[in-house]
Amino acid sequence: MLQKMVIRGGPPLKGAVRISGSKNAALPIIISSIMAPGRSEFLDVPDLMDIRTTERLLTDLGAEVVFNDKFVVDSTPIKNHEAPWDEVRKMRASFLVLGALLSRFGIAKVALPGGCALGPRLVDQHLKGFVSIGVKIKEEHGLVIASGKNIRGDSVTFDFPTVGGTENILMAACTAKGETVINNAAREPEIIDLARALREMGAVIEGEGEETIRVQGVDALSPIRYRIIQDRIEAGTYLMAIAVTAGDVTIENFPADMLTSVVGKLEEAGVDFKQTGDEMRVKGPKKINPINVSTQPYPGFPTDLQAPITSLLTVADGTSVVTETIFENRFAHVPELIRLGADITIDGRSAVIKGVKGLSGAKVMSSDLRNSASLILAGLVAENTTEVYRLYHLERGYERMEEKLSSLGADIKKVRQDD
């Protein structure tokens, strides 16, 4: 059933909200269960479309999966080495089964991936890394066919830090012979969480969170019970929502150590923060200061929060510049924000945002996951009613967003598109 989000803007957000487990950490960790025959349990897994896609993918491979209050995988029955296009096309993270299947079986067939349309995000760095450790790669009719029965550790150097590439090689290296050194590795918290989970399975890994990761191959891995870290992108999105509505909200389970660059930028914009343990009280300013933001690999400002902060700055008191350095085609939200009354000009890889006194509700169309969140944030502050279409994008990455925002006083609801 197609749905839209209907928002009547105005009320400042008040109260408390809890951050869910990280989708981007959960996906590779759940997939890594392929490598450890037996029953693994994962806690704090958000109930999202991408997680459900992973559930189907693992089931297609032969695993037994139950997802209720926890995500349970028995990977013992897996005998299928091919990840079908029908599931992989829906989500780029599905391509990570390549490293997991190679680690356990030494062979894999995986369709080239899909996901959000953010410009070229090719898997050439993944494949280059696999070749470096002795995997034979062949591409046929949209399938990557990989064979590596006797993978041997070696040096892998990425041309640029790649999260998926680092995760894929990290998994394959766990059972390779000897030492694998991953150079120019991605440093994101989700990489660190995957490495910790693999280490609990019995892998020998050091250096996660740094530019060089070292993996000593072991003979086999064992199942685990593991709790997923908080979703820093969800947390950052709620920071923007509180700020744009001049709200006052306590965020529970807040990943402060993962969001220092974001908190720093929002402090420049006038947002007030007070941390107590794993709770962060956030107060939005009556007047948002204009700021300049440039996305960077972690620990810099995340590209996944570029669209939400652009929405916030549409109502700043002055001109801001947001520069996107990671992905092409990541300003698809801008024409929709302009429909709501924003004053934004695209100049190459930068958006020049002249703050306006207010936005006005309209019908807008989302085109990717973070784009959807940015339009909802704009709707929270716009006068009258905003309708956000293509809601399925949002449901790939934000758990119960309507429910959480409603609990904070937002006037927001899902309705059928034909209502």
Protein backbone atom coordinates (compact mmCIF):
# COMPACT_ATOMS: atom_id res chain seq x y z
CA MET A 1 0.00 0.00 0.00
CA LEU A 2 1.48 3.34 -1.06
CA GLN A 3 1.57 5.91 1.72
CA LYS A 4 2.50 9.54 2.17
CA MET A 5 3.47 11.54 5.24
CA VAL A 6 1.21 14.47 6.09
CA ILE A 7 2.73 17.13 8.35
CA ARG A 8 1.28 20.31 9.77
CA GLY A 9 4.24 22.42 10.81
CA GLY A 10 4.64 24.73 13.74
CA PRO A 11 4.88 23.01 17.13
CA PRO A 12 8.33 22.93 18.76
CA LEU A 13 9.38 19.40 19.65
CA LYS A 14 9.29 18.65 23.39
CA GLY A 15 9.92 15.58 25.54
CA ALA A 16 12.26 12.61 25.16
CA VAL A 17 13.12 10.21 22.33
CA ARG A 18 15.29 7.09 22.22
CA ILE A 19 17.72 6.36 19.39
CA SER A 20 17.46 2.95 17.73
CA GLY A 21 20.28 0.60 16.86
CA SER A 22 22.32 1.45 13.79
CA LYS A 23 21.06 0.14 10.47
CA ASN A 24 24.47 0.64 8.86
CA ALA A 25 26.17 -1.33 11.63
CA ALA A 26 23.50 -4.03 11.85
CA LEU A 27 23.54 -4.95 8.14
CA PRO A 28 27.19 -6.10 7.85
CA ILE A 29 27.18 -7.66 11.33
CA ILE A 30 24.07 -9.72 10.57
CA ILE A 31 25.56 -10.74 7.21
CA SER A 32 28.77 -11.80 8.98
CA SER A 33 26.76 -14.53 10.75
CA ILE A 34 27.11 -16.49 7.48
CA MET A 35 30.77 -17.01 8.47
CA ALA A 36 30.00 -18.65 11.83
CA PRO A 37 27.86 -21.80 11.51
CA GLY A 38 25.40 -21.96 14.39
CA ARG A 39 22.89 -19.70 16.13
CA SER A 40 23.79 -16.02 16.50
CA GLU A 41 21.64 -13.41 18.25
CA PHE A 42 21.75 -9.68 17.57
CA LEU A 43 20.16 -7.11 19.89
CA ASP A 44 19.02 -3.52 19.19
CA VAL A 45 18.41 -4.30 15.52
CA PRO A 46 15.99 -1.70 14.07
CA ASP A 47 12.90 -2.97 12.28
CA LEU A 48 13.45 -1.41 8.85
CA MET A 49 12.90 -2.34 5.22
CA ASP A 50 16.66 -2.86 4.71
CA ILE A 51 16.79 -5.21 7.68
CA ARG A 52 13.83 -7.15 6.29
CA THR A 53 15.60 -7.35 2.92
CA THR A 54 18.60 -8.85 4.72
CA GLU A 55 16.30 -11.32 6.46
CA ARG A 56 14.98 -12.49 3.08
CA LEU A 57 18.48 -12.60 1.60
CA LEU A 58 19.77 -14.85 4.38
CA THR A 59 16.69 -17.06 4.08
CA ASP A 60 17.27 -17.38 0.33
CA LEU A 61 20.80 -18.56 1.07
CA GLY A 62 19.38 -21.25 3.35
CA ALA A 63 19.71 -19.73 6.84
CA GLU A 64 16.96 -20.00 9.44
CA VAL A 65 16.00 -16.50 10.61
CA VAL A 66 13.64 -15.21 13.29
CA PHE A 67 13.25 -11.46 13.85
CA ASN A 68 11.08 -10.32 16.74
CA ASP A 69 12.57 -8.48 19.70
CA LYS A 70 15.99 -9.74 18.56
CA PHE A 71 17.42 -10.90 15.24
CA VAL A 72 18.33 -14.60 15.40
CA VAL A 73 20.23 -16.37 12.61
CA ASP A 74 21.10 -20.04 12.39
CA SER A 75 23.54 -20.10 9.49
CA THR A 76 24.32 -23.83 9.74
CA PRO A 77 21.98 -24.87 6.89
CA ILE A 78 23.43 -22.43 4.34
CA LYS A 79 24.53 -24.26 1.22
CA ASN A 80 23.54 -21.79 -1.49
CA HIS A 81 26.42 -19.58 -2.62
CA GLU A 82 24.43 -17.24 -4.88
CA ALA A 83 22.76 -14.01 -3.76
CA PRO A 84 19.92 -13.30 -6.21
CA TRP A 85 19.47 -10.04 -8.06
CA ASP A 86 15.92 -9.59 -6.79
CA GLU A 87 17.15 -8.91 -3.24
CA VAL A 88 20.58 -7.38 -3.96
CA ARG A 89 19.08 -4.77 -6.30
CA LYS A 90 17.09 -3.30 -3.38
CA MET A 91 20.04 -2.57 -1.12
CA ARG A 92 23.75 -2.00 -1.69
CA ALA A 93 24.71 -3.62 1.62
CA SER A 94 23.59 -6.97 0.19
CA PHE A 95 26.85 -7.03 -1.76
CA LEU A 96 28.62 -7.71 1.56
CA VAL A 97 27.54 -11.35 1.33
CA LEU A 98 30.41 -11.69 -1.16
CA GLY A 99 33.05 -11.40 1.56
CA ALA A 100 31.06 -13.51 4.01
CA LEU A 101 30.43 -16.34 1.54
CA LEU A 102 34.07 -16.33 0.42
CA SER A 103 35.20 -16.54 4.03
CA ARG A 104 33.09 -19.61 4.73
CA PHE A 105 32.90 -21.43 1.41
CA GLY A 106 35.61 -19.97 -0.82
CA ILE A 107 33.07 -19.32 -3.57
CA ALA A 108 30.27 -16.83 -4.18
CA LYS A 109 27.98 -15.47 -6.89
CA VAL A 110 26.50 -12.08 -6.09
CA ALA A 111 24.48 -9.74 -8.28
CA LEU A 112 25.77 -6.20 -8.69
CA PRO A 113 23.98 -4.04 -6.10
CA GLY A 114 21.24 -1.38 -6.11
CA GLY A 115 20.11 1.17 -3.48
CA CYS A 116 19.68 4.93 -3.41
CA ALA A 117 20.40 6.79 -6.68
CA LEU A 118 23.33 8.91 -5.50
CA GLY A 119 25.48 8.76 -8.60
CA PRO A 120 28.29 6.27 -9.27
CA ARG A 121 29.06 4.11 -6.22
CA LEU A 122 30.84 1.33 -8.03
CA VAL A 123 32.17 -1.82 -6.40
CA ASP A 124 35.48 -1.72 -8.24
CA GLN A 125 37.36 -1.06 -4.99
CA HIS A 126 35.77 -4.14 -3.40
CA LEU A 127 36.82 -6.29 -6.36
CA LYS A 128 40.32 -4.80 -6.45
CA GLY A 129 40.68 -5.74 -2.78
CA PHE A 130 39.53 -9.31 -3.36
CA VAL A 131 42.00 -9.75 -6.22
CA SER A 132 44.78 -8.51 -3.91
CA ILE A 133 44.17 -11.45 -1.56
CA GLY A 134 44.05 -14.04 -4.31
CA VAL A 135 40.35 -14.19 -5.19
CA LYS A 136 39.58 -14.86 -8.84
CA ILE A 137 36.84 -12.50 -10.04
CA LYS A 138 34.69 -12.84 -13.14
CA GLU A 139 31.72 -10.68 -14.13
CA GLU A 140 28.93 -12.21 -16.22
CA HIS A 141 25.49 -10.80 -16.99
CA GLY A 142 25.37 -8.56 -13.91
CA LEU A 143 26.80 -11.25 -11.60
CA VAL A 144 30.13 -11.18 -9.79
CA ILE A 145 31.49 -14.74 -9.68
CA ALA A 146 34.23 -15.07 -7.08
CA SER A 147 36.44 -18.06 -6.35
CA GLY A 148 38.96 -18.12 -3.53
CA LYS A 149 39.37 -21.57 -2.03
CA ASN A 150 42.84 -20.74 -0.75
CA ILE A 151 42.72 -17.05 0.08
CA ARG A 152 46.04 -15.80 1.40
CA GLY A 153 46.57 -12.65 3.36
CA ASP A 154 48.28 -9.79 1.57
CA SER A 155 48.31 -6.00 1.41
CA VAL A 156 45.10 -4.33 0.20
CA THR A 157 45.23 -0.61 -0.58
CA PHE A 158 42.06 1.26 -1.48
CA ASP A 159 42.26 4.28 -3.78
CA PHE A 160 39.99 6.07 -1.29
CA PRO A 161 38.33 5.03 1.99
CA THR A 162 35.31 2.86 1.18
CA VAL A 163 33.01 1.63 3.93
CA GLY A 164 31.55 -1.30 1.99
CA GLY A 165 34.91 -2.25 0.53
CA THR A 166 36.56 -2.23 3.96
CA GLU A 167 33.74 -4.37 5.40
CA ASN A 168 33.87 -6.88 2.54
CA ILE A 169 37.64 -7.39 2.70
CA LEU A 170 37.59 -7.44 6.51
CA MET A 171 35.17 -10.37 6.47
CA ALA A 172 37.01 -12.31 3.77
CA ALA A 173 40.33 -11.81 5.55
CA CYS A 174 39.13 -13.38 8.81
CA THR A 175 39.72 -16.92 7.53
CA ALA A 176 42.47 -16.20 4.99
CA LYS A 177 45.88 -17.78 5.47
CA GLY A 178 48.30 -15.40 7.16
CA GLU A 179 48.03 -11.64 7.65
CA THR A 180 45.92 -9.22 5.60
CA VAL A 181 46.74 -5.51 5.87
CA ILE A 182 43.98 -3.13 4.76
CA ASN A 183 45.42 0.30 3.90
CA ASN A 184 43.39 3.50 3.49
CA ALA A 185 40.58 1.74 5.36
CA ALA A 186 37.32 3.50 6.20
CA ARG A 187 37.20 4.65 9.84
CA GLU A 188 33.46 4.89 10.48
CA PRO A 189 31.98 3.64 13.80
CA GLU A 190 30.12 0.98 11.83
CA ILE A 191 33.48 -0.49 10.74
CA ILE A 192 34.59 -0.52 14.37
CA ASP A 193 31.39 -2.29 15.42
CA LEU A 194 31.81 -4.93 12.72
CA ALA A 195 35.41 -5.56 13.78
CA ARG A 196 34.33 -5.95 17.42
CA ALA A 197 31.61 -8.41 16.44
CA LEU A 198 34.05 -10.41 14.30
CA ARG A 199 36.55 -10.42 17.15
CA GLU A 200 33.90 -11.90 19.44
CA MET A 201 33.39 -14.60 16.79
CA GLY A 202 37.08 -15.43 17.15
CA ALA A 203 38.70 -13.23 14.49
CA VAL A 204 42.06 -11.62 15.19
CA ILE A 205 41.78 -7.95 14.18
CA GLU A 206 43.55 -4.78 15.24
CA GLY A 207 43.53 -1.17 14.08
CA GLU A 208 39.81 -0.71 13.37
CA GLY A 209 38.96 2.99 13.39
CA GLU A 210 42.41 3.79 11.98
CA GLU A 211 43.70 4.03 8.42
CA THR A 212 45.37 0.60 8.61
CA ILE A 213 43.62 -2.56 9.80
CA ARG A 214 45.50 -5.83 10.33
CA VAL A 215 43.77 -9.21 10.25
CA GLN A 216 45.40 -12.52 11.19
CA GLY A 217 43.49 -15.37 9.57
CA VAL A 218 41.97 -18.09 11.75
CA ASP A 219 40.61 -21.52 10.84
CA ALA A 220 36.98 -20.94 11.87
CA LEU A 221 34.59 -18.54 13.59
CA SER A 222 31.89 -19.16 16.20
CA PRO A 223 28.36 -17.76 16.66
CA ILE A 224 27.83 -14.81 19.02
CA ARG A 225 25.27 -12.76 20.93
CA TYR A 226 25.93 -9.11 20.15
CA ARG A 227 24.34 -5.69 20.74
CA ILE A 228 24.41 -3.21 17.84
CA ILE A 229 25.64 0.37 18.41
CA GLN A 230 23.32 3.39 18.22
CA ASP A 231 22.33 4.90 14.88
CA ARG A 232 24.36 8.10 14.66
CA ILE A 233 22.51 9.22 11.51
CA GLU A 234 19.10 8.85 13.14
CA ALA A 235 20.45 10.75 16.17
CA GLY A 236 21.83 13.51 13.94
CA THR A 237 18.53 13.79 12.10
CA TYR A 238 16.65 14.30 15.37
CA LEU A 239 19.19 16.97 16.36
CA MET A 240 18.24 18.89 13.20
CA ALA A 241 14.51 18.36 13.86
CA ILE A 242 14.82 19.76 17.37
CA ALA A 243 16.89 22.70 16.12
CA VAL A 244 14.60 23.63 13.22
CA THR A 245 11.51 23.69 15.48
CA ALA A 246 13.25 25.53 18.36
CA GLY A 247 12.45 22.48 20.47
CA ASP A 248 13.67 21.17 23.83
CA VAL A 249 14.19 17.40 23.81
CA THR A 250 16.23 14.86 25.73
CA ILE A 251 17.70 12.24 23.39
CA GLU A 252 18.25 8.89 25.11
CA ASN A 253 20.89 6.37 23.99
CA PHE A 254 22.72 9.27 22.32
CA PRO A 255 26.04 8.39 20.58
CA ALA A 256 27.93 11.55 21.56
CA ASP A 257 31.38 10.19 20.69
CA MET A 258 30.23 9.46 17.11
CA LEU A 259 28.73 12.90 16.45
CA THR A 260 31.36 15.40 17.58
CA SER A 261 31.58 17.04 14.14
CA VAL A 262 27.80 17.37 13.94
CA VAL A 263 27.38 18.71 17.47
CA GLY A 264 30.18 21.20 16.79
CA LYS A 265 28.47 22.55 13.67
CA LEU A 266 25.10 22.79 15.41
CA GLU A 267 26.67 24.68 18.31
CA GLU A 268 27.90 27.18 15.70
CA ALA A 269 24.29 27.43 14.52
CA GLY A 270 23.17 28.29 18.06
CA VAL A 271 21.94 24.93 19.34
CA ASP A 272 22.48 24.27 23.06
CA PHE A 273 23.65 20.85 24.33
CA LYS A 274 23.85 19.36 27.82
CA GLN A 275 25.05 15.78 28.22
CA THR A 276 24.32 13.51 31.18
CA GLY A 277 25.59 9.96 30.73
CA ASP A 278 24.10 8.58 27.52
CA GLU A 279 21.43 11.29 27.43
CA MET A 280 21.73 14.57 25.60
CA ARG A 281 19.38 17.49 26.23
CA VAL A 282 19.07 19.59 23.10
CA LYS A 283 17.56 23.08 22.87
CA GLY A 284 17.00 24.71 19.52
CA PRO A 285 17.63 28.46 19.17
CA LYS A 286 15.00 31.07 18.40
CA LYS A 287 17.32 32.29 15.64
CA ILE A 288 19.50 29.85 13.66
CA ASN A 289 22.94 31.19 12.80
CA PRO A 290 24.13 30.62 9.21
CA ILE A 291 27.07 28.20 8.94
CA ASN A 292 29.22 26.54 6.28
CA VAL A 293 29.35 22.74 6.13
CA SER A 294 31.48 20.38 4.03
CA THR A 295 30.85 16.64 4.09
CA GLN A 296 33.90 14.48 4.77
CA PRO A 297 34.70 10.85 5.55
CA TYR A 298 34.45 10.02 9.24
CA PRO A 299 35.23 11.69 11.62
CA GLY A 300 34.17 14.64 9.46
CA PHE A 301 30.60 15.77 8.85
CA PRO A 302 28.62 12.79 7.46
CA THR A 303 27.25 12.91 3.94
CA ASP A 304 24.11 11.17 5.26
CA LEU A 305 23.30 14.32 7.27
CA GLN A 306 23.90 16.76 4.43
CA ALA A 307 20.24 16.83 3.34
CA PRO A 308 18.86 17.24 6.90
CA ILE A 309 21.21 20.12 7.73
CA THR A 310 20.32 21.78 4.42
CA SER A 311 16.68 21.79 5.57
CA LEU A 312 17.68 23.37 8.88
CA LEU A 313 19.66 26.13 7.17
CA THR A 314 16.75 27.12 4.89
CA VAL A 315 15.40 29.12 7.85
CA ALA A 316 18.73 30.41 9.19
CA ASP A 317 19.28 34.13 9.70
CA GLY A 318 21.69 34.65 6.79
CA THR A 319 23.48 32.75 4.04
CA SER A 320 25.00 29.28 4.49
CA VAL A 321 26.99 27.08 2.13
CA VAL A 322 26.78 23.28 2.19
CA THR A 323 29.38 21.42 0.11
CA GLU A 324 29.01 17.75 -0.82
CA THR A 325 32.38 16.05 -1.38
CA ILE A 326 31.39 12.36 -1.12
CA PHE A 327 28.60 11.58 -3.61
CA GLU A 328 27.40 13.08 -6.84
CA ASN A 329 23.66 13.66 -7.30
CA ARG A 330 23.05 14.28 -3.61
CA PHE A 331 21.14 17.54 -3.98
CA ALA A 332 17.88 15.99 -5.21
CA HIS A 333 16.15 17.41 -2.13
CA VAL A 334 16.94 20.98 -3.17
CA PRO A 335 14.21 21.40 -5.86
CA GLU A 336 11.67 20.01 -3.38
CA LEU A 337 12.82 22.39 -0.63
CA ILE A 338 12.45 25.24 -3.13
CA ARG A 339 8.83 24.14 -3.63
CA LEU A 340 8.42 24.75 0.09
CA GLY A 341 9.79 28.28 -0.27
CA ALA A 342 13.52 27.79 0.33
CA ASP A 343 16.04 30.03 -1.43
CA ILE A 344 18.82 27.69 -2.59
CA THR A 345 21.21 27.88 -5.53
CA ILE A 346 23.40 24.98 -6.62
CA ASP A 347 26.95 25.96 -7.54
CA GLY A 348 28.89 22.87 -8.60
CA ARG A 349 29.13 20.65 -5.54
CA SER A 350 27.84 23.34 -3.19
CA ALA A 351 24.40 24.58 -2.20
CA VAL A 352 24.21 28.28 -1.37
CA ILE A 353 21.31 28.68 1.06
CA LYS A 354 19.84 32.11 1.79
CA GLY A 355 17.74 31.76 4.92
CA VAL A 356 14.07 32.75 4.60
CA LYS A 357 11.66 33.85 7.32
CA GLY A 358 9.48 30.79 6.85
CA LEU A 359 8.60 27.85 4.62
CA SER A 360 5.13 27.06 3.26
CA GLY A 361 3.59 23.62 3.01
CA ALA A 362 3.37 21.84 -0.36
CA LYS A 363 3.37 18.41 -1.95
CA VAL A 364 6.93 17.12 -2.33
CA MET A 365 8.56 13.94 -3.64
CA SER A 366 11.45 12.12 -2.00
CA SER A 367 14.05 10.35 -4.11
CA ASP A 368 16.28 8.68 -1.53
CA LEU A 369 16.49 7.85 2.16
CA ARG A 370 18.12 10.98 3.64
CA ASN A 371 16.30 13.19 1.14
CA SER A 372 13.03 11.90 2.67
CA ALA A 373 14.13 12.87 6.17
CA SER A 374 15.10 16.36 5.02
CA LEU A 375 11.66 16.96 3.55
CA ILE A 376 9.97 15.83 6.75
CA LEU A 377 12.19 18.22 8.74
CA ALA A 378 11.19 21.07 6.45
CA GLY A 379 7.55 20.08 6.90
CA LEU A 380 7.92 20.33 10.69
CA VAL A 381 8.64 24.05 10.43
CA ALA A 382 6.60 24.98 7.32
CA GLU A 383 3.27 26.78 7.62
CA ASN A 384 0.17 24.79 6.74
CA THR A 385 0.35 21.22 5.41
CA THR A 386 3.25 19.40 3.76
CA GLU A 387 2.76 16.03 2.05
CA VAL A 388 5.82 13.85 1.44
CA TYR A 389 5.43 11.15 -1.23
CA ARG A 390 7.49 7.99 -1.94
CA LEU A 391 7.60 7.20 1.75
CA TYR A 392 9.19 3.81 1.16
CA HIS A 393 12.57 5.53 0.95
CA LEU A 394 12.21 6.78 4.54
CA GLU A 395 11.20 3.36 5.81
CA ARG A 396 14.48 1.89 4.61
CA GLY A 397 16.39 3.74 7.31
CA TYR A 398 14.30 5.38 10.07
CA GLU A 399 12.51 3.22 12.62
CA ARG A 400 9.01 4.46 13.57
CA MET A 401 9.82 8.08 12.68
CA GLU A 402 6.17 9.11 12.60
CA GLU A 403 5.60 7.58 16.04
CA LYS A 404 8.72 9.14 17.55
CA LEU A 405 8.00 12.62 16.19
CA SER A 406 4.35 12.38 17.27
CA SER A 407 5.48 11.55 20.81
CA LEU A 408 7.43 14.83 20.77
CA GLY A 409 4.33 16.84 19.80
CA ALA A 410 4.69 16.94 16.02
CA ASP A 411 1.47 16.94 13.97
CA ILE A 412 2.45 14.13 11.59
CA LYS A 413 0.73 11.02 10.26
CA LYS A 414 0.92 8.44 7.50
CA VAL A 415 -2.06 8.16 5.20
CA ARG A 416 -2.84 6.27 2.02
CA GLN A 417 -1.88 8.28 -1.05
CA ASP A 418 -5.40 8.09 -2.42
CA ASP A 419 -7.00 9.39 0.82
